[in-house]
């Protein structure tokens, strides 16, 4: 059976910050360089996706993945929850890789049309 959860090291209160709080700072190069540590931490897990709990973390981690070429997917926590429940809005598939983009789920918005 495939492993579905990979914990990062270090973990819990010793986990590294992604620096997503600096998205609006105007110092993009510094933000990406400080985020390099988080990108390496995520890459070391070998996971295909990283689940982010907040919008700033999601945006930063997604940009780190593209900037450093590590190319892991980044999903919102609610996207994971919606996938597990079988409900997902079409716009929520934006950040998913091809392996999950076409998962057959109920789209509440389109069902009302």
C-alpha atoms as a PDB file:
ATOM      1  CA  UNK A   1       0.000   0.000   0.000  1.00  0.00           C
ATOM      2  CA  UNK A   2       1.277   3.462  -0.877  1.00  0.00           C
ATOM      3  CA  UNK A   3       2.129   5.840   1.909  1.00  0.00           C
ATOM      4  CA  UNK A   4      -0.273   8.755   1.968  1.00  0.00           C
ATOM      5  CA  UNK A   5       1.229  10.939   4.707  1.00  0.00           C
ATOM      6  CA  UNK A   6       4.815  12.086   5.070  1.00  0.00           C
ATOM      7  CA  UNK A   7       5.744  14.092   8.139  1.00  0.00           C
ATOM      8  CA  UNK A   8       8.402  16.746   7.665  1.00  0.00           C
ATOM      9  CA  UNK A   9      11.592  16.811   9.708  1.00  0.00           C
ATOM     10  CA  UNK A  10      11.928  18.754  11.911  1.00  0.00           C
ATOM     11  CA  UNK A  11       8.267  18.722  12.840  1.00  0.00           C
ATOM     12  CA  UNK A  12       5.671  20.349  15.051  1.00  0.00           C
ATOM     13  CA  UNK A  13       6.982  23.473  16.797  1.00  0.00           C
ATOM     14  CA  UNK A  14      10.430  22.950  15.238  1.00  0.00           C
ATOM     15  CA  UNK A  15       9.066  23.005  11.680  1.00  0.00           C
ATOM     16  CA  UNK A  16      10.451  25.605   9.277  1.00  0.00           C
ATOM     17  CA  UNK A  17       8.435  28.636   8.192  1.00  0.00           C
ATOM     18  CA  UNK A  18       7.719  29.018   4.473  1.00  0.00           C
ATOM     19  CA  UNK A  19       7.949  32.845   4.727  1.00  0.00           C
ATOM     20  CA  UNK A  20       4.554  33.259   3.037  1.00  0.00           C
ATOM     21  CA  UNK A  21       3.783  36.092   5.432  1.00  0.00           C
ATOM     22  CA  UNK A  22       6.146  38.235   3.363  1.00  0.00           C
ATOM     23  CA  UNK A  23       4.113  37.874   0.126  1.00  0.00           C
ATOM     24  CA  UNK A  24       3.159  41.554   0.144  1.00  0.00           C
ATOM     25  CA  UNK A  25       6.531  42.848   1.349  1.00  0.00           C
ATOM     26  CA  UNK A  26       7.922  43.660  -2.087  1.00  0.00           C
ATOM     27  CA  UNK A  27      11.131  41.683  -1.427  1.00  0.00           C
ATOM     28  CA  UNK A  28      10.437  38.716  -3.684  1.00  0.00           C
ATOM     29  CA  UNK A  29      14.046  37.576  -4.107  1.00  0.00           C
ATOM     30  CA  UNK A  30      14.672  37.585  -0.350  1.00  0.00           C
ATOM     31  CA  UNK A  31      11.348  35.846   0.316  1.00  0.00           C
ATOM     32  CA  UNK A  32      12.178  33.068  -2.117  1.00  0.00           C
ATOM     33  CA  UNK A  33      15.688  32.673  -0.753  1.00  0.00           C
ATOM     34  CA  UNK A  34      14.422  32.446   2.840  1.00  0.00           C
ATOM     35  CA  UNK A  35      11.811  29.956   1.631  1.00  0.00           C
ATOM     36  CA  UNK A  36      14.492  27.686   0.127  1.00  0.00           C
ATOM     37  CA  UNK A  37      14.795  25.848   3.452  1.00  0.00           C
ATOM     38  CA  UNK A  38      11.071  25.032   3.442  1.00  0.00           C
ATOM     39  CA  UNK A  39      11.262  23.875  -0.178  1.00  0.00           C
ATOM     40  CA  UNK A  40      14.144  21.522   0.686  1.00  0.00           C
ATOM     41  CA  UNK A  41      12.216  20.263   3.730  1.00  0.00           C
ATOM     42  CA  UNK A  42       9.161  19.433   1.608  1.00  0.00           C
ATOM     43  CA  UNK A  43      11.265  17.870  -1.151  1.00  0.00           C
ATOM     44  CA  UNK A  44      13.036  15.634   1.401  1.00  0.00           C
ATOM     45  CA  UNK A  45       9.721  13.957   2.264  1.00  0.00           C
ATOM     46  CA  UNK A  46       9.375  12.571  -1.250  1.00  0.00           C
ATOM     47  CA  UNK A  47       5.684  13.506  -1.230  1.00  0.00           C
ATOM     48  CA  UNK A  48       3.849  14.386  -4.431  1.00  0.00           C
ATOM     49  CA  UNK A  49       1.770  17.067  -2.690  1.00  0.00           C
ATOM     50  CA  UNK A  50       2.117  19.507   0.168  1.00  0.00           C
ATOM     51  CA  UNK A  51      -1.087  20.515   1.949  1.00  0.00           C
ATOM     52  CA  UNK A  52      -1.109  24.124   3.150  1.00  0.00           C
ATOM     53  CA  UNK A  53      -3.396  25.348   5.885  1.00  0.00           C
ATOM     54  CA  UNK A  54      -3.500  29.038   4.956  1.00  0.00           C
ATOM     55  CA  UNK A  55      -3.647  31.041   1.744  1.00  0.00           C
ATOM     56  CA  UNK A  56      -0.283  32.783   2.238  1.00  0.00           C
ATOM     57  CA  UNK A  57       1.476  29.464   2.852  1.00  0.00           C
ATOM     58  CA  UNK A  58      -0.236  27.948  -0.194  1.00  0.00           C
ATOM     59  CA  UNK A  59       0.812  30.812  -2.463  1.00  0.00           C
ATOM     60  CA  UNK A  60       4.395  30.842  -1.157  1.00  0.00           C
ATOM     61  CA  UNK A  61       4.890  27.066  -1.260  1.00  0.00           C
ATOM     62  CA  UNK A  62       3.409  26.890  -4.763  1.00  0.00           C
ATOM     63  CA  UNK A  63       5.815  29.602  -5.911  1.00  0.00           C
ATOM     64  CA  UNK A  64       8.755  27.884  -4.171  1.00  0.00           C
ATOM     65  CA  UNK A  65       7.950  24.630  -5.976  1.00  0.00           C
ATOM     66  CA  UNK A  66       7.958  26.378  -9.335  1.00  0.00           C
ATOM     67  CA  UNK A  67      10.949  28.639  -8.595  1.00  0.00           C
ATOM     68  CA  UNK A  68      13.253  25.849  -7.422  1.00  0.00           C
ATOM     69  CA  UNK A  69      11.904  23.287  -9.923  1.00  0.00           C
ATOM     70  CA  UNK A  70      10.874  20.763  -7.283  1.00  0.00           C
ATOM     71  CA  UNK A  71       7.397  20.543  -8.853  1.00  0.00           C
ATOM     72  CA  UNK A  72       5.416  18.967  -6.037  1.00  0.00           C
ATOM     73  CA  UNK A  73       1.753  19.865  -6.012  1.00  0.00           C
ATOM     74  CA  UNK A  74       0.355  22.218  -3.404  1.00  0.00           C
ATOM     75  CA  UNK A  75      -3.200  21.950  -2.187  1.00  0.00           C
ATOM     76  CA  UNK A  76      -5.347  23.817   0.267  1.00  0.00           C
ATOM     77  CA  UNK A  77      -6.474  21.898   3.332  1.00  0.00           C
ATOM     78  CA  UNK A  78     -10.105  22.353   2.266  1.00  0.00           C
ATOM     79  CA  UNK A  79      -9.282  20.854  -1.155  1.00  0.00           C
ATOM     80  CA  UNK A  80      -8.083  17.691   0.573  1.00  0.00           C
ATOM     81  CA  UNK A  81     -11.223  17.606   2.706  1.00  0.00           C
ATOM     82  CA  UNK A  82     -13.465  18.157  -0.343  1.00  0.00           C
ATOM     83  CA  UNK A  83     -11.666  15.428  -2.299  1.00  0.00           C
ATOM     84  CA  UNK A  84     -12.195  13.002   0.567  1.00  0.00           C
ATOM     85  CA  UNK A  85     -15.910  13.891   0.697  1.00  0.00           C
ATOM     86  CA  UNK A  86     -16.311  13.639  -3.078  1.00  0.00           C
ATOM     87  CA  UNK A  87     -17.262  17.279  -3.548  1.00  0.00           C
ATOM     88  CA  UNK A  88     -15.002  19.812  -5.195  1.00  0.00           C
ATOM     89  CA  UNK A  89     -15.688  22.990  -7.116  1.00  0.00           C
ATOM     90  CA  UNK A  90     -14.212  23.157 -10.628  1.00  0.00           C
ATOM     91  CA  UNK A  91     -11.984  26.126  -9.724  1.00  0.00           C
ATOM     92  CA  UNK A  92     -10.465  24.130  -6.848  1.00  0.00           C
ATOM     93  CA  UNK A  93      -8.748  21.821  -9.366  1.00  0.00           C
ATOM     94  CA  UNK A  94      -6.443  24.645 -10.507  1.00  0.00           C
ATOM     95  CA  UNK A  95      -3.455  23.639  -8.373  1.00  0.00           C
ATOM     96  CA  UNK A  96      -3.863  19.890  -8.683  1.00  0.00           C
ATOM     97  CA  UNK A  97      -1.604  17.854 -10.945  1.00  0.00           C
ATOM     98  CA  UNK A  98      -3.015  15.689 -13.714  1.00  0.00           C
ATOM     99  CA  UNK A  99      -3.300  12.686 -11.368  1.00  0.00           C
ATOM    100  CA  UNK A 100      -6.066  14.428  -9.384  1.00  0.00           C
ATOM    101  CA  UNK A 101      -7.506  17.002 -11.808  1.00  0.00           C
ATOM    102  CA  UNK A 102      -9.909  14.536 -13.368  1.00  0.00           C
ATOM    103  CA  UNK A 103     -11.095  12.828 -10.201  1.00  0.00           C
ATOM    104  CA  UNK A 104     -14.820  12.320 -10.675  1.00  0.00           C
ATOM    105  CA  UNK A 105     -16.381  14.403  -7.924  1.00  0.00           C
ATOM    106  CA  UNK A 106     -19.693  16.179  -7.531  1.00  0.00           C
ATOM    107  CA  UNK A 107     -19.484  19.897  -8.338  1.00  0.00           C
ATOM    108  CA  UNK A 108     -22.193  21.689  -6.311  1.00  0.00           C
ATOM    109  CA  UNK A 109     -21.939  24.857  -8.431  1.00  0.00           C
ATOM    110  CA  UNK A 110     -22.520  23.075 -11.718  1.00  0.00           C
ATOM    111  CA  UNK A 111     -25.309  20.897 -10.331  1.00  0.00           C
ATOM    112  CA  UNK A 112     -27.443  23.998  -9.842  1.00  0.00           C
ATOM    113  CA  UNK A 113     -27.278  25.027 -13.504  1.00  0.00           C
END
